PDB file of all heavy atoms in Angstrom:
ATOM      1  N   ILE A   1      27.365  -1.766  -5.336  1.00  0.00           N
ATOM      2  CA  ILE A   1      27.236  -2.519  -4.063  1.00  0.00           C
ATOM      3  C   ILE A   1      28.517  -3.323  -3.791  1.00  0.00           C
ATOM      4  O   ILE A   1      28.900  -3.469  -2.608  1.00  0.00           O
ATOM      5  CB  ILE A   1      26.002  -3.412  -4.120  1.00  0.00           C
ATOM      6  CG1 ILE A   1      24.740  -2.527  -4.154  1.00  0.00           C
ATOM      7  CG2 ILE A   1      25.924  -4.337  -2.915  1.00  0.00           C
ATOM      8  CD1 ILE A   1      23.454  -3.274  -4.288  1.00  0.00           C
ATOM      9  N   GLN A   2      29.164  -3.823  -4.820  1.00  0.00           N
ATOM     10  CA  GLN A   2      30.382  -4.651  -4.576  1.00  0.00           C
ATOM     11  C   GLN A   2      31.511  -3.797  -3.964  1.00  0.00           C
ATOM     12  O   GLN A   2      32.416  -4.342  -3.325  1.00  0.00           O
ATOM     13  CB  GLN A   2      30.834  -5.290  -5.865  1.00  0.00           C
ATOM     14  CG  GLN A   2      29.918  -6.373  -6.396  1.00  0.00           C
ATOM     15  CD  GLN A   2      30.013  -7.643  -5.587  1.00  0.00           C
ATOM     16  OE1 GLN A   2      30.823  -7.782  -4.676  1.00  0.00           O
ATOM     17  NE2 GLN A   2      29.107  -8.573  -5.861  1.00  0.00           N
ATOM     18  N   LYS A   3      31.460  -2.476  -4.165  1.00  0.00           N
ATOM     19  CA  LYS A   3      32.511  -1.622  -3.624  1.00  0.00           C
ATOM     20  C   LYS A   3      32.354  -1.395  -2.124  1.00  0.00           C
ATOM     21  O   LYS A   3      33.297  -0.930  -1.489  1.00  0.00           O
ATOM     22  CB  LYS A   3      32.529  -0.253  -4.359  1.00  0.00           C
ATOM     23  CG  LYS A   3      32.885  -0.386  -5.824  1.00  0.00           C
ATOM     24  CD  LYS A   3      32.869   0.948  -6.503  1.00  0.00           C
ATOM     25  CE  LYS A   3      33.251   0.859  -7.983  1.00  0.00           C
ATOM     26  NZ  LYS A   3      33.216   2.181  -8.650  1.00  0.00           N
ATOM     27  N   LYS A   4      31.152  -1.625  -1.602  1.00  0.00           N
ATOM     28  CA  LYS A   4      30.931  -1.387  -0.160  1.00  0.00           C
ATOM     29  C   LYS A   4      31.615  -2.498   0.642  1.00  0.00           C
ATOM     30  O   LYS A   4      31.594  -3.667   0.291  1.00  0.00           O
ATOM     31  CB  LYS A   4      29.455  -1.329   0.139  1.00  0.00           C
ATOM     32  CG  LYS A   4      28.719  -0.188  -0.573  1.00  0.00           C
ATOM     33  CD  LYS A   4      27.305  -0.043  -0.129  1.00  0.00           C
ATOM     34  CE  LYS A   4      27.240   0.493   1.331  1.00  0.00           C
ATOM     35  NZ  LYS A   4      27.697   1.894   1.398  1.00  0.00           N
ATOM     36  N   GLN A   5      32.139  -2.093   1.753  1.00  0.00           N
ATOM     37  CA  GLN A   5      32.881  -3.003   2.632  1.00  0.00           C
ATOM     38  C   GLN A   5      31.920  -3.561   3.714  1.00  0.00           C
ATOM     39  O   GLN A   5      31.011  -2.914   4.167  1.00  0.00           O
ATOM     40  CB  GLN A   5      34.069  -2.307   3.291  1.00  0.00           C
ATOM     41  CG  GLN A   5      35.065  -1.752   2.316  1.00  0.00           C
ATOM     42  CD  GLN A   5      35.782  -2.837   1.515  1.00  0.00           C
ATOM     43  OE1 GLN A   5      36.004  -3.927   2.027  1.00  0.00           O
ATOM     44  NE2 GLN A   5      36.130  -2.490   0.296  1.00  0.00           N
ATOM     45  N   GLY A   6      32.186  -4.797   4.113  1.00  0.00           N
ATOM     46  CA  GLY A   6      31.472  -5.389   5.235  1.00  0.00           C
ATOM     47  C   GLY A   6      30.125  -6.021   4.885  1.00  0.00           C
ATOM     48  O   GLY A   6      29.339  -6.299   5.784  1.00  0.00           O
ATOM     49  N   LEU A   7      29.813  -6.225   3.596  1.00  0.00           N
ATOM     50  CA  LEU A   7      28.555  -6.818   3.234  1.00  0.00           C
ATOM     51  C   LEU A   7      28.657  -8.335   3.313  1.00  0.00           C
ATOM     52  O   LEU A   7      29.654  -8.934   2.898  1.00  0.00           O
ATOM     53  CB  LEU A   7      28.128  -6.407   1.834  1.00  0.00           C
ATOM     54  CG  LEU A   7      27.807  -4.943   1.615  1.00  0.00           C
ATOM     55  CD1 LEU A   7      27.405  -4.680   0.167  1.00  0.00           C
ATOM     56  CD2 LEU A   7      26.714  -4.481   2.537  1.00  0.00           C
ATOM     57  N   HIS A   8      27.630  -8.989   3.850  1.00  0.00           N
ATOM     58  CA  HIS A   8      27.613 -10.428   3.967  1.00  0.00           C
ATOM     59  C   HIS A   8      27.030 -11.107   2.710  1.00  0.00           C
ATOM     60  O   HIS A   8      27.588 -12.086   2.231  1.00  0.00           O
ATOM     61  CB  HIS A   8      26.807 -10.865   5.169  1.00  0.00           C
ATOM     62  CG  HIS A   8      27.287 -10.286   6.453  1.00  0.00           C
ATOM     63  ND1 HIS A   8      26.833  -9.068   6.955  1.00  0.00           N
ATOM     64  CD2 HIS A   8      28.205 -10.706   7.385  1.00  0.00           C
ATOM     65  CE1 HIS A   8      27.418  -8.794   8.086  1.00  0.00           C
ATOM     66  NE2 HIS A   8      28.248  -9.786   8.392  1.00  0.00           N
ATOM     67  N   HIS A   9      25.934 -10.563   2.209  1.00  0.00           N
ATOM     68  CA  HIS A   9      25.253 -11.152   1.064  1.00  0.00           C
ATOM     69  C   HIS A   9      24.904 -10.035   0.049  1.00  0.00           C
ATOM     70  O   HIS A   9      23.756  -9.571   0.029  1.00  0.00           O
ATOM     71  CB  HIS A   9      23.976 -11.893   1.494  1.00  0.00           C
ATOM     72  CG  HIS A   9      24.199 -12.868   2.604  1.00  0.00           C
ATOM     73  ND1 HIS A   9      24.798 -14.117   2.407  1.00  0.00           N
ATOM     74  CD2 HIS A   9      23.959 -12.778   3.942  1.00  0.00           C
ATOM     75  CE1 HIS A   9      24.872 -14.718   3.571  1.00  0.00           C
ATOM     76  NE2 HIS A   9      24.368 -13.967   4.504  1.00  0.00           N
ATOM     77  N   PRO A  10      25.852  -9.556  -0.737  1.00  0.00           N
ATOM     78  CA  PRO A  10      25.598  -8.472  -1.641  1.00  0.00           C
ATOM     79  C   PRO A  10      24.592  -8.761  -2.738  1.00  0.00           C
ATOM     80  O   PRO A  10      24.019  -7.819  -3.335  1.00  0.00           O
ATOM     81  CB  PRO A  10      26.989  -8.131  -2.232  1.00  0.00           C
ATOM     82  CG  PRO A  10      27.743  -9.421  -2.080  1.00  0.00           C
ATOM     83  CD  PRO A  10      27.249 -10.061  -0.836  1.00  0.00           C
ATOM     84  N   TYR A  11      24.353 -10.038  -3.026  1.00  0.00           N
ATOM     85  CA  TYR A  11      23.401 -10.361  -4.095  1.00  0.00           C
ATOM     86  C   TYR A  11      21.965 -10.102  -3.714  1.00  0.00           C
ATOM     87  O   TYR A  11      21.114  -9.927  -4.589  1.00  0.00           O
ATOM     88  CB  TYR A  11      23.584 -11.817  -4.514  1.00  0.00           C
ATOM     89  CG  TYR A  11      23.303 -12.814  -3.416  1.00  0.00           C
ATOM     90  CD1 TYR A  11      22.011 -13.306  -3.236  1.00  0.00           C
ATOM     91  CD2 TYR A  11      24.315 -13.268  -2.575  1.00  0.00           C
ATOM     92  CE1 TYR A  11      21.728 -14.200  -2.189  1.00  0.00           C
ATOM     93  CE2 TYR A  11      24.045 -14.177  -1.580  1.00  0.00           C
ATOM     94  CZ  TYR A  11      22.777 -14.645  -1.380  1.00  0.00           C
ATOM     95  OH  TYR A  11      22.505 -15.537  -0.387  1.00  0.00           O
ATOM     96  N   VAL A  12      21.647 -10.060  -2.406  1.00  0.00           N
ATOM     97  CA  VAL A  12      20.271  -9.845  -1.993  1.00  0.00           C
ATOM     98  C   VAL A  12      19.739  -8.474  -2.397  1.00  0.00           C
ATOM     99  O   VAL A  12      18.689  -8.365  -3.033  1.00  0.00           O
ATOM    100  CB  VAL A  12      20.098 -10.099  -0.451  1.00  0.00           C
ATOM    101  CG1 VAL A  12      18.699  -9.727  -0.011  1.00  0.00           C
ATOM    102  CG2 VAL A  12      20.433 -11.537  -0.129  1.00  0.00           C
ATOM    103  N   PRO A  13      20.464  -7.379  -2.056  1.00  0.00           N
ATOM    104  CA  PRO A  13      19.947  -6.074  -2.533  1.00  0.00           C
ATOM    105  C   PRO A  13      19.949  -5.949  -4.045  1.00  0.00           C
ATOM    106  O   PRO A  13      19.069  -5.284  -4.599  1.00  0.00           O
ATOM    107  CB  PRO A  13      20.956  -5.060  -1.912  1.00  0.00           C
ATOM    108  CG  PRO A  13      22.117  -5.836  -1.490  1.00  0.00           C
ATOM    109  CD  PRO A  13      21.642  -7.185  -1.170  1.00  0.00           C
ATOM    110  N   ILE A  14      20.851  -6.631  -4.743  1.00  0.00           N
ATOM    111  CA  ILE A  14      20.849  -6.602  -6.208  1.00  0.00           C
ATOM    112  C   ILE A  14      19.570  -7.266  -6.732  1.00  0.00           C
ATOM    113  O   ILE A  14      18.931  -6.775  -7.663  1.00  0.00           O
ATOM    114  CB  ILE A  14      22.095  -7.260  -6.762  1.00  0.00           C
ATOM    115  CG1 ILE A  14      23.374  -6.450  -6.370  1.00  0.00           C
ATOM    116  CG2 ILE A  14      22.027  -7.406  -8.261  1.00  0.00           C
ATOM    117  CD1 ILE A  14      24.664  -7.096  -6.801  1.00  0.00           C
ATOM    118  N   ILE A  15      19.191  -8.393  -6.133  1.00  0.00           N
ATOM    119  CA  ILE A  15      17.958  -9.087  -6.565  1.00  0.00           C
ATOM    120  C   ILE A  15      16.731  -8.197  -6.300  1.00  0.00           C
ATOM    121  O   ILE A  15      15.831  -8.087  -7.148  1.00  0.00           O
ATOM    122  CB  ILE A  15      17.858 -10.444  -5.857  1.00  0.00           C
ATOM    123  CG1 ILE A  15      18.941 -11.390  -6.320  1.00  0.00           C
ATOM    124  CG2 ILE A  15      16.463 -11.078  -6.072  1.00  0.00           C
ATOM    125  CD1 ILE A  15      18.974 -12.701  -5.592  1.00  0.00           C
ATOM    126  N   LEU A  16      16.702  -7.579  -5.153  1.00  0.00           N
ATOM    127  CA  LEU A  16      15.561  -6.697  -4.854  1.00  0.00           C
ATOM    128  C   LEU A  16      15.475  -5.540  -5.826  1.00  0.00           C
ATOM    129  O   LEU A  16      14.376  -5.179  -6.284  1.00  0.00           O
ATOM    130  CB  LEU A  16      15.670  -6.162  -3.388  1.00  0.00           C
ATOM    131  CG  LEU A  16      15.534  -7.219  -2.285  1.00  0.00           C
ATOM    132  CD1 LEU A  16      15.724  -6.570  -0.918  1.00  0.00           C
ATOM    133  CD2 LEU A  16      14.152  -7.886  -2.349  1.00  0.00           C
ATOM    134  N   VAL A  17      16.615  -4.964  -6.171  1.00  0.00           N
ATOM    135  CA  VAL A  17      16.619  -3.872  -7.117  1.00  0.00           C
ATOM    136  C   VAL A  17      16.206  -4.359  -8.485  1.00  0.00           C
ATOM    137  O   VAL A  17      15.464  -3.669  -9.230  1.00  0.00           O
ATOM    138  CB  VAL A  17      18.036  -3.229  -7.172  1.00  0.00           C
ATOM    139  CG1 VAL A  17      18.145  -2.257  -8.359  1.00  0.00           C
ATOM    140  CG2 VAL A  17      18.319  -2.467  -5.913  1.00  0.00           C
ATOM    141  N   GLY A  18      16.630  -5.563  -8.887  1.00  0.00           N
ATOM    142  CA  GLY A  18      16.198  -6.129 -10.154  1.00  0.00           C
ATOM    143  C   GLY A  18      14.690  -6.332 -10.220  1.00  0.00           C
ATOM    144  O   GLY A  18      14.065  -6.076 -11.275  1.00  0.00           O
ATOM    145  N   ILE A  19      14.109  -6.781  -9.109  1.00  0.00           N
ATOM    146  CA  ILE A  19      12.627  -6.950  -9.073  1.00  0.00           C
ATOM    147  C   ILE A  19      11.928  -5.583  -9.241  1.00  0.00           C
ATOM    148  O   ILE A  19      10.963  -5.456  -9.994  1.00  0.00           O
ATOM    149  CB  ILE A  19      12.214  -7.642  -7.778  1.00  0.00           C
ATOM    150  CG1 ILE A  19      12.774  -9.067  -7.742  1.00  0.00           C
ATOM    151  CG2 ILE A  19      10.696  -7.634  -7.618  1.00  0.00           C
ATOM    152  CD1 ILE A  19      12.508  -9.806  -6.424  1.00  0.00           C
ATOM    153  N   PHE A  20      12.443  -4.601  -8.551  1.00  0.00           N
ATOM    154  CA  PHE A  20      11.847  -3.258  -8.645  1.00  0.00           C
ATOM    155  C   PHE A  20      12.017  -2.725 -10.073  1.00  0.00           C
ATOM    156  O   PHE A  20      11.064  -2.128 -10.625  1.00  0.00           O
ATOM    157  CB  PHE A  20      12.504  -2.313  -7.644  1.00  0.00           C
ATOM    158  CG  PHE A  20      11.992  -0.889  -7.722  1.00  0.00           C
ATOM    159  CD1 PHE A  20      10.805  -0.545  -7.099  1.00  0.00           C
ATOM    160  CD2 PHE A  20      12.693   0.077  -8.431  1.00  0.00           C
ATOM    161  CE1 PHE A  20      10.316   0.757  -7.177  1.00  0.00           C
ATOM    162  CE2 PHE A  20      12.203   1.366  -8.508  1.00  0.00           C
ATOM    163  CZ  PHE A  20      11.013   1.708  -7.860  1.00  0.00           C
ATOM    164  N   ALA A  21      13.206  -2.938 -10.681  1.00  0.00           N
ATOM    165  CA  ALA A  21      13.426  -2.461 -12.055  1.00  0.00           C
ATOM    166  C   ALA A  21      12.462  -3.132 -13.017  1.00  0.00           C
ATOM    167  O   ALA A  21      11.955  -2.483 -13.940  1.00  0.00           O
ATOM    168  CB  ALA A  21      14.875  -2.737 -12.473  1.00  0.00           C
ATOM    169  N   TYR A  22      12.187  -4.416 -12.796  1.00  0.00           N
ATOM    170  CA  TYR A  22      11.207  -5.085 -13.664  1.00  0.00           C
ATOM    171  C   TYR A  22       9.817  -4.509 -13.530  1.00  0.00           C
ATOM    172  O   TYR A  22       9.119  -4.321 -14.513  1.00  0.00           O
ATOM    173  CB  TYR A  22      11.195  -6.606 -13.362  1.00  0.00           C
ATOM    174  CG  TYR A  22      10.154  -7.313 -14.146  1.00  0.00           C
ATOM    175  CD1 TYR A  22      10.357  -7.678 -15.453  1.00  0.00           C
ATOM    176  CD2 TYR A  22       8.915  -7.645 -13.564  1.00  0.00           C
ATOM    177  CE1 TYR A  22       9.404  -8.343 -16.195  1.00  0.00           C
ATOM    178  CE2 TYR A  22       7.924  -8.304 -14.282  1.00  0.00           C
ATOM    179  CZ  TYR A  22       8.180  -8.657 -15.619  1.00  0.00           C
ATOM    180  OH  TYR A  22       7.206  -9.285 -16.317  1.00  0.00           O
ATOM    181  N   LEU A  23       9.432  -4.217 -12.292  1.00  0.00           N
ATOM    182  CA  LEU A  23       8.065  -3.651 -12.057  1.00  0.00           C
ATOM    183  C   LEU A  23       7.969  -2.279 -12.740  1.00  0.00           C
ATOM    184  O   LEU A  23       6.935  -1.952 -13.353  1.00  0.00           O
ATOM    185  CB  LEU A  23       7.795  -3.569 -10.552  1.00  0.00           C
ATOM    186  CG  LEU A  23       7.658  -4.868  -9.820  1.00  0.00           C
ATOM    187  CD1 LEU A  23       7.448  -4.637  -8.346  1.00  0.00           C
ATOM    188  CD2 LEU A  23       6.477  -5.697 -10.382  1.00  0.00           C
ATOM    189  N   VAL A  24       9.002  -1.467 -12.602  1.00  0.00           N
ATOM    190  CA  VAL A  24       8.951  -0.151 -13.219  1.00  0.00           C
ATOM    191  C   VAL A  24       8.896  -0.276 -14.731  1.00  0.00           C
ATOM    192  O   VAL A  24       8.086   0.384 -15.423  1.00  0.00           O
ATOM    193  CB  VAL A  24      10.207   0.691 -12.785  1.00  0.00           C
ATOM    194  CG1 VAL A  24      10.274   1.960 -13.586  1.00  0.00           C
ATOM    195  CG2 VAL A  24      10.134   0.981 -11.325  1.00  0.00           C
ATOM    196  N   ALA A  25       9.783  -1.127 -15.321  1.00  0.00           N
ATOM    197  CA  ALA A  25       9.769  -1.298 -16.767  1.00  0.00           C
ATOM    198  C   ALA A  25       8.427  -1.895 -17.244  1.00  0.00           C
ATOM    199  O   ALA A  25       7.933  -1.494 -18.300  1.00  0.00           O
ATOM    200  CB  ALA A  25      10.900  -2.233 -17.166  1.00  0.00           C
ATOM    201  N   HIS A  26       7.846  -2.792 -16.450  1.00  0.00           N
ATOM    202  CA  HIS A  26       6.605  -3.394 -16.840  1.00  0.00           C
ATOM    203  C   HIS A  26       5.472  -2.329 -16.864  1.00  0.00           C
ATOM    204  O   HIS A  26       4.605  -2.376 -17.802  1.00  0.00           O
ATOM    205  CB  HIS A  26       6.195  -4.507 -15.848  1.00  0.00           C
ATOM    206  CG  HIS A  26       4.861  -5.139 -16.126  1.00  0.00           C
ATOM    207  ND1 HIS A  26       4.673  -6.014 -17.174  1.00  0.00           N
ATOM    208  CD2 HIS A  26       3.670  -5.044 -15.483  1.00  0.00           C
ATOM    209  CE1 HIS A  26       3.428  -6.414 -17.196  1.00  0.00           C
ATOM    210  NE2 HIS A  26       2.792  -5.843 -16.185  1.00  0.00           N
ATOM    211  N   CYS A  27       5.470  -1.425 -15.931  1.00  0.00           N
ATOM    212  CA  CYS A  27       4.477  -0.365 -15.914  1.00  0.00           C
ATOM    213  C   CYS A  27       4.576   0.475 -17.166  1.00  0.00           C
ATOM    214  O   CYS A  27       3.572   0.789 -17.850  1.00  0.00           O
ATOM    215  CB  CYS A  27       4.587   0.508 -14.674  1.00  0.00           C
ATOM    216  SG  CYS A  27       4.117  -0.329 -13.142  1.00  0.00           S
ATOM    217  N   PHE A  28       5.819   0.886 -17.540  1.00  0.00           N
ATOM    218  CA  PHE A  28       6.002   1.715 -18.765  1.00  0.00           C
ATOM    219  C   PHE A  28       5.628   0.937 -20.012  1.00  0.00           C
ATOM    220  O   PHE A  28       4.951   1.462 -20.896  1.00  0.00           O
ATOM    221  CB  PHE A  28       7.456   2.197 -18.814  1.00  0.00           C
ATOM    222  CG  PHE A  28       7.769   3.335 -17.889  1.00  0.00           C
ATOM    223  CD1 PHE A  28       8.578   3.158 -16.781  1.00  0.00           C
ATOM    224  CD2 PHE A  28       7.260   4.595 -18.152  1.00  0.00           C
ATOM    225  CE1 PHE A  28       8.851   4.195 -15.912  1.00  0.00           C
ATOM    226  CE2 PHE A  28       7.550   5.648 -17.298  1.00  0.00           C
ATOM    227  CZ  PHE A  28       8.333   5.438 -16.186  1.00  0.00           C
TER     228      PHE A  28
END
């Protein structure tokens, strides 16, 4: 995500992906 140009708040999609990763790992 940091390589993409024109992002205002790149940490927001990273946080959302982290939440999804936790849910997936929790299920397994």
